[in-house]
Amino acid sequence: MHATLRRRCIRTLAAGALSAALVSVGSAGAFAADSAPMPKPSPTHTMTAMAKSISIKASHSRIRAGQSVTLTGRTANLAAGTKLTVQRLHNGKWTTLRATTVVKKGDTYTVTTKLAAKGTEHLRVVSGPTRSKTITVDVM
């Protein structure tokens, strides 16, 4: 019986020593992993803001003075209900016209404006800092 007790003690001590060794090796690995520098995300994996844009198309490229022109187009990354305004280039500065509309549910818009001054009109649609390209309408 004395030999059996001795064997149990030796097995218990060996198991305890082995467990302590495994725990310390695992802890050392964890500390070593924490001290390593974290990898930096590459530009392809970072989140980028979605670019907002407005397209524009005129119903007519030539109209008579006093007639209306309808501007239509699509928007990208502008919420439905966002206000859009029409601007014209006058004496080198963009001036806002009274014609306004909102973005529809399908990311489209339609706005009609009357052009009275004869000559070439440069028009665009804006919403805050987002602008469409400039289109030209000849008013005769």
Protein backbone atom coordinates (compact mmCIF):
# COMPACT_ATOMS: atom_id res chain seq x y z
CA MET A 1 0.00 0.00 0.00
CA HIS A 2 2.90 2.25 0.66
CA ALA A 3 4.13 1.74 -2.91
CA THR A 4 0.72 2.54 -4.35
CA LEU A 5 0.56 5.81 -2.39
CA ARG A 6 4.04 6.72 -3.60
CA ARG A 7 3.05 6.05 -7.24
CA ARG A 8 -0.06 8.21 -6.91
CA CYS A 9 1.99 11.05 -5.46
CA ILE A 10 4.56 10.78 -8.25
CA ARG A 11 1.83 10.72 -10.92
CA THR A 12 0.11 13.74 -9.34
CA LEU A 13 3.37 15.68 -9.18
CA ALA A 14 4.22 14.76 -12.80
CA ALA A 15 0.77 15.76 -14.03
CA GLY A 16 0.96 19.04 -12.11
CA ALA A 17 4.41 19.81 -13.47
CA LEU A 18 3.32 19.00 -17.02
CA SER A 19 0.21 21.21 -16.66
CA ALA A 20 2.27 24.10 -15.30
CA ALA A 21 4.74 23.74 -18.18
CA LEU A 22 1.95 23.79 -20.78
CA VAL A 23 0.27 26.82 -19.21
CA SER A 24 3.54 28.75 -19.07
CA VAL A 25 4.37 27.93 -22.72
CA GLY A 26 0.88 29.08 -23.78
CA SER A 27 1.23 32.28 -21.77
CA ALA A 28 4.63 32.99 -23.27
CA GLY A 29 3.18 32.54 -26.76
CA ALA A 30 0.34 34.90 -25.95
CA PHE A 31 2.72 37.57 -24.64
CA ALA A 32 4.96 37.14 -27.66
CA ALA A 33 1.96 37.59 -29.95
CA ASP A 34 0.94 40.79 -28.14
CA SER A 35 4.39 42.33 -28.50
CA ALA A 36 4.43 41.84 -32.28
CA PRO A 37 3.35 44.92 -34.28
CA MET A 38 -0.21 44.87 -35.56
CA PRO A 39 -0.52 44.69 -39.35
CA LYS A 40 -1.71 47.91 -40.94
CA PRO A 41 -4.74 47.72 -43.25
CA SER A 42 -3.96 48.22 -46.89
CA PRO A 43 -5.81 50.92 -48.86
CA THR A 44 -7.87 48.26 -50.64
CA HIS A 45 -9.31 47.03 -47.35
CA THR A 46 -10.23 50.37 -45.79
CA MET A 47 -13.73 51.76 -46.03
CA THR A 48 -14.06 54.68 -48.41
CA ALA A 49 -16.86 57.19 -48.62
CA MET A 50 -19.21 56.63 -51.49
CA ALA A 51 -18.85 59.36 -54.09
CA LYS A 52 -21.97 61.45 -54.72
CA SER A 53 -22.78 62.43 -58.27
CA ILE A 54 -25.49 63.98 -60.40
CA SER A 55 -25.99 63.36 -64.13
CA ILE A 56 -27.88 65.81 -66.34
CA LYS A 57 -29.64 65.79 -69.70
CA ALA A 58 -31.67 68.57 -71.36
CA SER A 59 -34.88 67.91 -73.27
CA HIS A 60 -33.74 70.32 -76.01
CA SER A 61 -30.39 71.80 -76.92
CA ARG A 62 -32.09 74.74 -78.72
CA ILE A 63 -35.22 76.60 -77.64
CA ARG A 64 -36.87 79.94 -78.33
CA ALA A 65 -36.73 82.72 -75.74
CA GLY A 66 -39.46 82.28 -73.15
CA GLN A 67 -39.80 78.52 -73.70
CA SER A 68 -39.08 75.91 -71.05
CA VAL A 69 -36.40 73.27 -71.00
CA THR A 70 -36.71 70.12 -68.91
CA LEU A 71 -33.62 68.80 -67.17
CA THR A 72 -33.58 65.15 -66.17
CA GLY A 73 -30.97 62.88 -64.71
CA ARG A 74 -29.91 60.37 -62.11
CA THR A 75 -28.14 60.75 -58.82
CA ALA A 76 -25.75 58.44 -57.03
CA ASN A 77 -25.56 58.23 -53.23
CA LEU A 78 -28.02 61.06 -52.64
CA ALA A 79 -31.00 60.18 -50.46
CA ALA A 80 -34.52 60.34 -51.85
CA GLY A 81 -36.00 63.72 -50.96
CA THR A 82 -32.69 65.59 -51.24
CA LYS A 83 -33.25 69.09 -52.67
CA LEU A 84 -31.70 69.89 -56.06
CA THR A 85 -31.43 73.38 -57.53
CA VAL A 86 -30.66 74.61 -61.04
CA GLN A 87 -27.86 77.12 -61.60
CA ARG A 88 -26.76 79.09 -64.65
CA LEU A 89 -23.44 80.67 -65.46
CA HIS A 90 -23.96 84.44 -65.72
CA ASN A 91 -21.01 86.88 -66.07
CA GLY A 92 -18.56 84.23 -64.89
CA LYS A 93 -20.53 83.38 -61.70
CA TRP A 94 -23.00 80.63 -60.95
CA THR A 95 -26.40 82.03 -59.99
CA THR A 96 -29.24 79.94 -58.61
CA LEU A 97 -32.50 79.88 -60.56
CA ARG A 98 -35.92 79.47 -58.96
CA ALA A 99 -36.28 75.97 -60.39
CA THR A 100 -35.89 73.32 -57.68
CA THR A 101 -36.83 69.67 -57.31
CA VAL A 102 -36.13 66.69 -55.07
CA VAL A 103 -34.52 63.32 -55.73
CA LYS A 104 -37.19 60.68 -56.37
CA LYS A 105 -37.23 57.15 -54.95
CA GLY A 106 -35.43 55.64 -57.96
CA ASP A 107 -32.53 58.14 -57.72
CA THR A 108 -33.94 60.23 -60.57
CA TYR A 109 -35.06 63.84 -60.89
CA THR A 110 -36.91 66.07 -63.34
CA VAL A 111 -37.02 69.87 -63.24
CA THR A 112 -38.36 72.41 -65.72
CA THR A 113 -37.07 75.95 -66.06
CA LYS A 114 -37.99 78.81 -68.41
CA LEU A 115 -35.14 80.60 -70.18
CA ALA A 116 -35.92 84.15 -71.34
CA ALA A 117 -32.53 85.66 -72.25
CA LYS A 118 -31.32 85.04 -75.80
CA GLY A 119 -27.89 83.52 -76.21
CA THR A 120 -26.10 80.48 -74.90
CA GLU A 121 -27.06 79.31 -71.40
CA HIS A 122 -24.76 77.10 -69.35
CA LEU A 123 -26.78 75.12 -66.79
CA ARG A 124 -26.04 72.65 -64.01
CA VAL A 125 -27.88 70.96 -61.13
CA VAL A 126 -26.44 71.15 -57.60
CA SER A 127 -27.07 69.73 -54.17
CA GLY A 128 -24.70 71.18 -51.59
CA PRO A 129 -21.13 70.55 -52.80
CA THR A 130 -22.25 67.95 -55.35
CA ARG A 131 -22.61 69.31 -58.89
CA SER A 132 -23.55 67.90 -62.26
CA LYS A 133 -21.52 68.59 -65.36
CA THR A 134 -22.39 71.76 -67.27
CA ILE A 135 -24.76 71.54 -70.24
CA THR A 136 -25.35 74.15 -72.92
CA VAL A 137 -28.74 75.29 -74.21
CA ASP A 138 -28.97 77.78 -77.10
CA VAL A 139 -31.83 80.26 -76.64
CA MET A 140 -32.95 81.95 -79.91
